[in-house]
Structure formats: C-alpha cells, structure tokens
Amino acid sequence: MGKIMAGKISDITPGKMIKVHVDGRDILLANIGGEFYATDDTCTHSGASLSEGKLDGNIVTCGWHEAKFDCKTGKLEKFPAKIRDLTPYKVNTESDNVFIEV
C-alpha cells in the first residue's frame, strides 16, 4: 500500500467532506470531530458521488437516493435494498497534511 497526500488539515474543517482522486480511485475524505476517515466516494447503489451528499455526524447520505453509509467503517446504515458496503481506507496525519493509504 502507498501513502498519498490527500489534502491539508487546515482546509478540511470538522464536519466537512471532500472528494480526492487517489491512485485512480475517487475517495471520500471526511473530518468527523477532528478525526479523518476515508471510504470510496462512489455510492454502491447508482454510482453517485457521496461527497455531493450530506454529512451528519459520521453518516454520509447519498444525494441521489438517500442511501446512508458510516464514514468510519464504510458500512451501509440505511437503504431499502441491500447494497454493497464501501471500502474504508486508513488515514494518517503529519504536520498539516492528511495522507490516505491505498
């Protein structure tokens, strides 16, 4: 696995999420209470970008059909149909930098 810089801590304030392109993948990076978490950015239902949805605590809600995923684990939390969980990624911080391991 490689460690890739995904952004600056100071640019991703608590409660904010962004989409980053890392090693050919779209990844959602979220700051939840000062801790950083990363999962796939693409909803496993219809392919929407989750970073365009809504973040409430550690739950991201897809803007297209309201599937809900836990940003800390990637697990599906709520949706009428069973869909695949998201892949979580390890996140590290050093100085003012956020790194994702892929």
Protein backbone atom coordinates (compact mmCIF):
# COMPACT_ATOMS: atom_id res chain seq x y z
CA MET A 1 0.00 0.00 0.00
CA GLY A 2 1.14 3.51 -0.78
CA LYS A 3 0.62 6.63 1.29
CA ILE A 4 -0.72 9.53 -0.79
CA MET A 5 -1.20 13.13 0.36
CA ALA A 6 -4.90 13.98 0.09
CA GLY A 7 -5.04 17.50 1.49
CA LYS A 8 -4.26 19.92 4.27
CA ILE A 9 -5.76 19.52 7.74
CA SER A 10 -6.43 23.26 7.84
CA ASP A 11 -8.51 23.06 4.62
CA ILE A 12 -10.77 20.21 5.81
CA THR A 13 -12.50 21.55 8.90
CA PRO A 14 -14.65 19.38 11.22
CA GLY A 15 -17.94 18.44 9.56
CA LYS A 16 -16.52 18.87 6.05
CA MET A 17 -16.00 16.19 3.42
CA ILE A 18 -14.23 16.31 0.09
CA LYS A 19 -13.61 14.03 -2.87
CA VAL A 20 -10.00 13.25 -3.69
CA HIS A 21 -8.61 11.25 -6.59
CA VAL A 22 -6.01 8.82 -5.24
CA ASP A 23 -4.26 6.12 -7.24
CA GLY A 24 -7.03 6.01 -9.87
CA ARG A 25 -9.85 5.95 -7.29
CA ASP A 26 -12.38 8.54 -6.12
CA ILE A 27 -12.23 8.63 -2.32
CA LEU A 28 -14.39 10.48 0.19
CA LEU A 29 -12.31 12.14 2.92
CA ALA A 30 -14.30 13.37 5.93
CA ASN A 31 -13.30 15.27 9.06
CA ILE A 32 -15.53 14.00 11.88
CA GLY A 33 -14.85 15.82 15.14
CA GLY A 34 -11.22 16.43 14.23
CA GLU A 35 -10.56 12.83 13.15
CA PHE A 36 -10.17 11.95 9.47
CA TYR A 37 -11.84 8.99 7.75
CA ALA A 38 -11.77 7.83 4.13
CA THR A 39 -14.01 5.50 2.12
CA ASP A 40 -14.97 5.01 -1.50
CA ASP A 41 -16.69 8.15 -2.80
CA THR A 42 -18.99 6.27 -5.19
CA CYS A 43 -22.35 5.10 -3.85
CA THR A 44 -22.75 1.37 -4.45
CA HIS A 45 -26.40 1.83 -5.46
CA SER A 46 -26.30 4.04 -8.57
CA GLY A 47 -22.80 5.50 -8.71
CA ALA A 48 -23.41 8.97 -7.26
CA SER A 49 -20.55 10.90 -5.70
CA LEU A 50 -21.10 10.74 -1.95
CA SER A 51 -19.09 13.92 -1.42
CA GLU A 52 -22.01 15.73 -3.07
CA GLY A 53 -24.37 14.34 -0.42
CA LYS A 54 -24.85 15.34 3.21
CA LEU A 55 -22.67 14.58 6.23
CA ASP A 56 -24.42 14.29 9.60
CA GLY A 57 -22.04 13.15 12.34
CA ASN A 58 -20.32 10.09 10.89
CA ILE A 59 -23.15 9.26 8.44
CA VAL A 60 -22.97 10.36 4.81
CA THR A 61 -26.26 10.40 2.90
CA CYS A 62 -26.17 9.96 -0.87
CA GLY A 63 -27.72 12.91 -2.67
CA TRP A 64 -29.41 10.75 -5.31
CA HIS A 65 -31.45 8.12 -3.43
CA GLU A 66 -30.56 8.72 0.25
CA ALA A 67 -28.52 5.60 0.95
CA LYS A 68 -26.70 6.13 4.26
CA PHE A 69 -23.16 4.93 4.99
CA ASP A 70 -20.94 5.16 8.07
CA CYS A 71 -17.82 7.13 7.08
CA LYS A 72 -15.80 5.48 9.85
CA THR A 73 -16.39 1.90 8.68
CA GLY A 74 -17.88 2.09 5.18
CA LYS A 75 -20.87 0.03 6.35
CA LEU A 76 -24.31 0.58 4.86
CA GLU A 77 -26.51 2.01 7.61
CA LYS A 78 -29.86 2.50 5.87
CA PHE A 79 -31.39 1.85 2.46
CA PRO A 80 -34.49 -0.02 1.29
CA ALA A 81 -32.39 -2.57 -0.63
CA LYS A 82 -29.23 -4.41 0.36
CA ILE A 83 -26.24 -2.88 -1.41
CA ARG A 84 -22.52 -3.35 -1.01
CA ASP A 85 -20.62 -1.56 1.78
CA LEU A 86 -17.93 0.98 0.92
CA THR A 87 -14.23 0.20 1.19
CA PRO A 88 -12.63 2.10 4.09
CA TYR A 89 -9.05 3.38 3.84
CA LYS A 90 -6.50 4.14 6.54
CA VAL A 91 -5.82 7.83 7.13
CA ASN A 92 -2.75 9.40 8.77
CA THR A 93 -1.90 12.99 9.55
CA GLU A 94 1.55 14.55 9.69
CA SER A 95 2.11 18.23 10.34
CA ASP A 96 -0.72 19.92 8.39
CA ASN A 97 -1.06 17.09 5.84
CA VAL A 98 -3.64 14.31 5.52
CA PHE A 99 -2.50 11.05 3.91
CA ILE A 100 -4.59 8.13 2.67
CA GLU A 101 -3.18 4.63 2.32
CA VAL A 102 -4.37 2.76 -0.78
